[in-house]
C-alpha atoms as a PDB file:
ATOM      1  CA  MET A   1     184.498  70.900  13.588  1.00  0.00           C
ATOM      2  CA  ARG A   2     185.702  69.427  10.324  1.00  0.00           C
ATOM      3  CA  PHE A   3     189.358  68.699   9.670  1.00  0.00           C
ATOM      4  CA  LEU A   4     190.364  69.766   6.174  1.00  0.00           C
ATOM      5  CA  TYR A   5     194.096  69.022   6.256  1.00  0.00           C
ATOM      6  CA  ILE A   6     196.842  67.815   8.564  1.00  0.00           C
ATOM      7  CA  LYS A   7     200.597  67.570   8.123  1.00  0.00           C
ATOM      8  CA  LEU A   8     202.789  65.892  10.729  1.00  0.00           C
ATOM      9  CA  THR A   9     206.580  66.199  10.631  1.00  0.00           C
ATOM     10  CA  GLY A  10     209.133  64.573  12.906  1.00  0.00           C
ATOM     11  CA  TYR A  11     206.771  62.182  14.692  1.00  0.00           C
ATOM     12  CA  ALA A  12     208.515  59.051  15.952  1.00  0.00           C
ATOM     13  CA  GLY A  13     205.463  56.822  15.357  1.00  0.00           C
ATOM     14  CA  LEU A  14     205.479  57.634  11.643  1.00  0.00           C
ATOM     15  CA  TYR A  15     209.218  57.246  11.251  1.00  0.00           C
ATOM     16  CA  ASN A  16     209.490  54.043  13.275  1.00  0.00           C
ATOM     17  CA  GLY A  17     206.437  52.506  11.629  1.00  0.00           C
ATOM     18  CA  SER A  18     206.720  53.582   7.996  1.00  0.00           C
ATOM     19  CA  GLY A  19     210.080  55.323   7.695  1.00  0.00           C
ATOM     20  CA  LEU A  20     208.324  58.617   6.969  1.00  0.00           C
ATOM     21  CA  ASP A  21     209.608  61.908   8.316  1.00  0.00           C
ATOM     22  CA  SER A  22     206.316  63.593   7.442  1.00  0.00           C
ATOM     23  CA  ILE A  23     202.837  62.816   6.207  1.00  0.00           C
ATOM     24  CA  GLU A  24     200.103  65.011   4.731  1.00  0.00           C
ATOM     25  CA  LEU A  25     196.416  64.158   4.658  1.00  0.00           C
ATOM     26  CA  ASP A  26     194.010  66.284   2.603  1.00  0.00           C
ATOM     27  CA  PHE A  27     190.566  65.468   3.952  1.00  0.00           C
ATOM     28  CA  THR A  28     188.884  67.738   1.390  1.00  0.00           C
ATOM     29  CA  ARG A  29     189.534  65.011  -1.177  1.00  0.00           C
ATOM     30  CA  CYS A  30     187.478  62.501   0.824  1.00  0.00           C
ATOM     31  CA  LYS A  31     184.164  61.722  -0.820  1.00  0.00           C
ATOM     32  CA  ASN A  32     182.342  60.817   2.391  1.00  0.00           C
ATOM     33  CA  LYS A  33     181.988  62.313   5.865  1.00  0.00           C
ATOM     34  CA  ILE A  34     183.631  59.262   7.411  1.00  0.00           C
ATOM     35  CA  THR A  35     187.319  58.615   6.760  1.00  0.00           C
ATOM     36  CA  VAL A  36     189.005  55.309   7.474  1.00  0.00           C
ATOM     37  CA  ILE A  37     192.739  55.126   8.073  1.00  0.00           C
ATOM     38  CA  SER A  38     193.928  51.569   7.546  1.00  0.00           C
ATOM     39  CA  GLY A  39     197.225  49.770   7.287  1.00  0.00           C
ATOM     40  CA  PRO A  40     199.350  47.061   8.872  1.00  0.00           C
ATOM     41  CA  ASN A  41     200.216  47.160  12.561  1.00  0.00           C
ATOM     42  CA  GLY A  42     202.932  49.620  13.511  1.00  0.00           C
ATOM     43  CA  THR A  43     202.681  51.874  10.447  1.00  0.00           C
ATOM     44  CA  GLY A  44     201.639  55.078  12.228  1.00  0.00           C
ATOM     45  CA  LYS A  45     197.827  54.955  12.202  1.00  0.00           C
ATOM     46  CA  SER A  46     197.579  55.612  15.940  1.00  0.00           C
ATOM     47  CA  THR A  47     200.123  58.416  15.654  1.00  0.00           C
ATOM     48  CA  ILE A  48     197.903  60.154  13.112  1.00  0.00           C
ATOM     49  CA  ILE A  49     194.715  59.625  15.117  1.00  0.00           C
ATOM     50  CA  ASN A  50     196.368  60.779  18.359  1.00  0.00           C
ATOM     51  CA  ALA A  51     197.655  63.950  16.656  1.00  0.00           C
ATOM     52  CA  LEU A  52     194.178  64.954  15.437  1.00  0.00           C
ATOM     53  CA  HIS A  53     193.603  67.431  18.242  1.00  0.00           C
ATOM     54  CA  LEU A  54     194.378  71.101  18.641  1.00  0.00           C
ATOM     55  CA  MET A  55     196.851  71.021  21.527  1.00  0.00           C
ATOM     56  CA  PRO A  56     200.639  70.618  21.297  1.00  0.00           C
ATOM     57  CA  ASP A  57     201.802  67.021  21.590  1.00  0.00           C
ATOM     58  CA  GLY A  58     204.288  65.853  24.217  1.00  0.00           C
ATOM     59  CA  ASN A  59     207.992  65.689  23.382  1.00  0.00           C
ATOM     60  CA  HIS A  60     207.915  61.882  23.732  1.00  0.00           C
ATOM     61  CA  ASN A  61     206.028  61.793  20.395  1.00  0.00           C
ATOM     62  CA  PHE A  62     208.912  63.226  18.377  1.00  0.00           C
ATOM     63  CA  LEU A  63     212.157  62.020  16.877  1.00  0.00           C
ATOM     64  CA  GLU A  64     215.099  63.050  19.036  1.00  0.00           C
ATOM     65  CA  GLY A  65     217.264  65.816  17.636  1.00  0.00           C
ATOM     66  CA  ARG A  66     214.776  66.761  14.908  1.00  0.00           C
ATOM     67  CA  GLU A  67     212.319  69.601  14.661  1.00  0.00           C
ATOM     68  CA  ALA A  68     208.711  68.460  14.751  1.00  0.00           C
ATOM     69  CA  SER A  69     205.549  70.202  13.673  1.00  0.00           C
ATOM     70  CA  LYS A  70     201.827  69.798  13.276  1.00  0.00           C
ATOM     71  CA  VAL A  71     199.883  71.849  10.734  1.00  0.00           C
ATOM     72  CA  ILE A  72     196.094  71.648  10.797  1.00  0.00           C
ATOM     73  CA  LYS A  73     193.471  73.338   8.692  1.00  0.00           C
ATOM     74  CA  LEU A  74     189.874  73.019   9.835  1.00  0.00           C
ATOM     75  CA  GLU A  75     186.426  74.479   9.422  1.00  0.00           C
ATOM     76  CA  TYR A  76     184.332  75.386  12.432  1.00  0.00           C
ATOM     77  CA  ASP A  77     181.135  77.404  12.572  1.00  0.00           C
ATOM     78  CA  GLY A  78     181.690  78.811   9.067  1.00  0.00           C
ATOM     79  CA  ASN A  79     185.275  79.914   9.790  1.00  0.00           C
ATOM     80  CA  ILE A  80     188.540  78.481   8.491  1.00  0.00           C
ATOM     81  CA  TYR A  81     191.338  78.002  11.031  1.00  0.00           C
ATOM     82  CA  ASP A  82     194.990  77.404  10.192  1.00  0.00           C
ATOM     83  CA  ILE A  83     197.025  76.028  13.087  1.00  0.00           C
ATOM     84  CA  CYS A  84     200.780  75.527  13.177  1.00  0.00           C
ATOM     85  CA  ILE A  85     202.513  74.069  16.219  1.00  0.00           C
ATOM     86  CA  THR A  86     206.289  73.747  16.014  1.00  0.00           C
ATOM     87  CA  HIS A  87     208.656  71.955  18.354  1.00  0.00           C
ATOM     88  CA  PRO A  88     212.061  73.364  17.369  1.00  0.00           C
ATOM     89  CA  ILE A  89     215.543  72.133  18.224  1.00  0.00           C
ATOM     90  CA  ASP A  90     218.219  74.424  19.648  1.00  0.00           C
ATOM     91  CA  LYS A  91     221.851  74.532  18.482  1.00  0.00           C
ATOM     92  CA  ASN A  92     222.723  71.745  20.960  1.00  0.00           C
ATOM     93  CA  GLY A  93     220.100  69.396  19.547  1.00  0.00           C
ATOM     94  CA  ASN A  94     217.712  69.816  22.491  1.00  0.00           C
ATOM     95  CA  ARG A  95     214.019  70.707  22.348  1.00  0.00           C
ATOM     96  CA  ALA A  96     213.517  74.459  22.335  1.00  0.00           C
ATOM     97  CA  THR A  97     210.365  76.356  23.302  1.00  0.00           C
ATOM     98  CA  THR A  98     207.252  75.141  21.501  1.00  0.00           C
ATOM     99  CA  ARG A  99     205.525  77.745  19.337  1.00  0.00           C
ATOM    100  CA  ALA A 100     201.806  77.672  18.488  1.00  0.00           C
ATOM    101  CA  ASN A 101     200.083  79.935  16.000  1.00  0.00           C
ATOM    102  CA  VAL A 102     196.468  80.076  14.918  1.00  0.00           C
ATOM    103  CA  MET A 103     194.847  82.028  12.105  1.00  0.00           C
ATOM    104  CA  LYS A 104     191.122  82.574  11.655  1.00  0.00           C
ATOM    105  CA  ASN A 105     190.028  83.374   8.105  1.00  0.00           C
ATOM    106  CA  GLY A 106     193.560  84.561   7.305  1.00  0.00           C
ATOM    107  CA  SER A 107     194.027  86.789  10.384  1.00  0.00           C
ATOM    108  CA  GLU A 108     196.623  85.824  12.994  1.00  0.00           C
ATOM    109  CA  LEU A 109     195.085  85.395  16.451  1.00  0.00           C
ATOM    110  CA  ASN A 110     198.294  84.548  18.333  1.00  0.00           C
ATOM    111  CA  THR A 111     201.046  86.810  17.056  1.00  0.00           C
ATOM    112  CA  THR A 112     203.441  85.877  19.881  1.00  0.00           C
ATOM    113  CA  GLY A 113     203.338  82.112  19.263  1.00  0.00           C
ATOM    114  CA  ASN A 114     203.038  81.671  23.043  1.00  0.00           C
ATOM    115  CA  VAL A 115     201.512  78.272  23.878  1.00  0.00           C
ATOM    116  CA  SER A 116     199.541  79.482  26.916  1.00  0.00           C
ATOM    117  CA  GLN A 117     197.991  82.288  24.895  1.00  0.00           C
ATOM    118  CA  TYR A 118     197.325  79.825  22.066  1.00  0.00           C
ATOM    119  CA  LYS A 119     195.470  77.461  24.423  1.00  0.00           C
ATOM    120  CA  ASP A 120     193.315  80.322  25.737  1.00  0.00           C
ATOM    121  CA  ILE A 121     192.448  81.289  22.157  1.00  0.00           C
ATOM    122  CA  ILE A 122     191.559  77.700  21.239  1.00  0.00           C
ATOM    123  CA  PHE A 123     189.359  77.238  24.319  1.00  0.00           C
ATOM    124  CA  THR A 124     187.542  80.504  23.520  1.00  0.00           C
ATOM    125  CA  GLU A 125     187.225  80.065  19.738  1.00  0.00           C
ATOM    126  CA  PHE A 126     185.953  76.495  19.981  1.00  0.00           C
ATOM    127  CA  ASP A 127     183.944  76.983  23.193  1.00  0.00           C
ATOM    128  CA  MET A 128     185.995  74.255  24.819  1.00  0.00           C
ATOM    129  CA  ASP A 129     186.412  73.630  28.531  1.00  0.00           C
ATOM    130  CA  SER A 130     190.123  73.480  29.394  1.00  0.00           C
ATOM    131  CA  ASN A 131     189.409  70.391  31.505  1.00  0.00           C
ATOM    132  CA  TYR A 132     188.329  68.583  28.346  1.00  0.00           C
ATOM    133  CA  MET A 133     191.900  68.335  27.105  1.00  0.00           C
ATOM    134  CA  GLU A 134     193.094  66.930  30.412  1.00  0.00           C
ATOM    135  CA  LEU A 135     190.316  64.346  30.441  1.00  0.00           C
ATOM    136  CA  PHE A 136     191.078  63.527  26.805  1.00  0.00           C
ATOM    137  CA  LYS A 137     194.431  62.196  28.028  1.00  0.00           C
ATOM    138  CA  ILE A 138     192.700  59.225  29.617  1.00  0.00           C
ATOM    139  CA  SER A 139     192.016  57.765  26.199  1.00  0.00           C
ATOM    140  CA  ASN A 140     194.669  59.530  24.135  1.00  0.00           C
ATOM    141  CA  ASP A 141     197.857  58.937  26.113  1.00  0.00           C
ATOM    142  CA  ARG A 142     197.148  55.349  27.039  1.00  0.00           C
ATOM    143  CA  ARG A 143     196.013  52.330  25.070  1.00  0.00           C
ATOM    144  CA  GLY A 144     193.936  51.454  28.089  1.00  0.00           C
ATOM    145  CA  MET A 145     193.970  51.956  31.796  1.00  0.00           C
ATOM    146  CA  SER A 146     193.451  48.227  32.131  1.00  0.00           C
ATOM    147  CA  ASP A 147     196.986  47.715  30.765  1.00  0.00           C
ATOM    148  CA  MET A 148     198.422  49.657  33.717  1.00  0.00           C
ATOM    149  CA  THR A 149     199.398  48.267  37.063  1.00  0.00           C
ATOM    150  CA  PRO A 150     197.298  49.537  39.996  1.00  0.00           C
ATOM    151  CA  GLY A 151     200.178  51.807  41.027  1.00  0.00           C
ATOM    152  CA  GLU A 152     200.464  53.251  37.517  1.00  0.00           C
ATOM    153  CA  ARG A 153     196.703  53.888  37.381  1.00  0.00           C
ATOM    154  CA  LYS A 154     196.767  55.648  40.737  1.00  0.00           C
ATOM    155  CA  LYS A 155     199.742  57.815  39.770  1.00  0.00           C
ATOM    156  CA  PHE A 156     198.227  58.677  36.373  1.00  0.00           C
ATOM    157  CA  MET A 157     194.812  59.568  37.811  1.00  0.00           C
ATOM    158  CA  SER A 158     196.368  61.592  40.654  1.00  0.00           C
ATOM    159  CA  SER A 159     198.380  63.683  38.189  1.00  0.00           C
ATOM    160  CA  LEU A 160     195.317  64.089  35.982  1.00  0.00           C
ATOM    161  CA  ILE A 161     193.044  65.172  38.837  1.00  0.00           C
ATOM    162  CA  SER A 162     195.597  67.660  40.151  1.00  0.00           C
ATOM    163  CA  SER A 163     195.739  69.307  36.714  1.00  0.00           C
ATOM    164  CA  LEU A 164     191.967  69.866  36.516  1.00  0.00           C
ATOM    165  CA  ASP A 165     190.316  73.127  37.577  1.00  0.00           C
END
């Protein structure tokens, strides 16, 4: 899997760190296979790295009262995938139902935008075990389990284990 492009909009880590409402990264312009994202502490580097996955992010990642989205373009097994995950706001300023669309070589695979259907498509297209994304949370959601109290670790692991197949 090779990321070609990502655009993040409405992520709190970008806004709080750099004052940016959105950021676009075009990885096709990178000259090497390894890309380094650098900058001062608190500027949104971790936000970008944590968003480089194919699942919808949690609402705690977004600016309150603002629509958020993640657009990803990637190449996998000779195919080009365009992914758009939106976290809209309703008329009262609350989070509305998340929508997730995926296109493969220009053809829409998830016409309904339903997140559950989207996840099934992603797991099938990328030959991914659904448990992988749950286990990914161990490193993605937390800076380190060692930073947690024993009670927090137990609660986190219990919720993680109960979500696995």
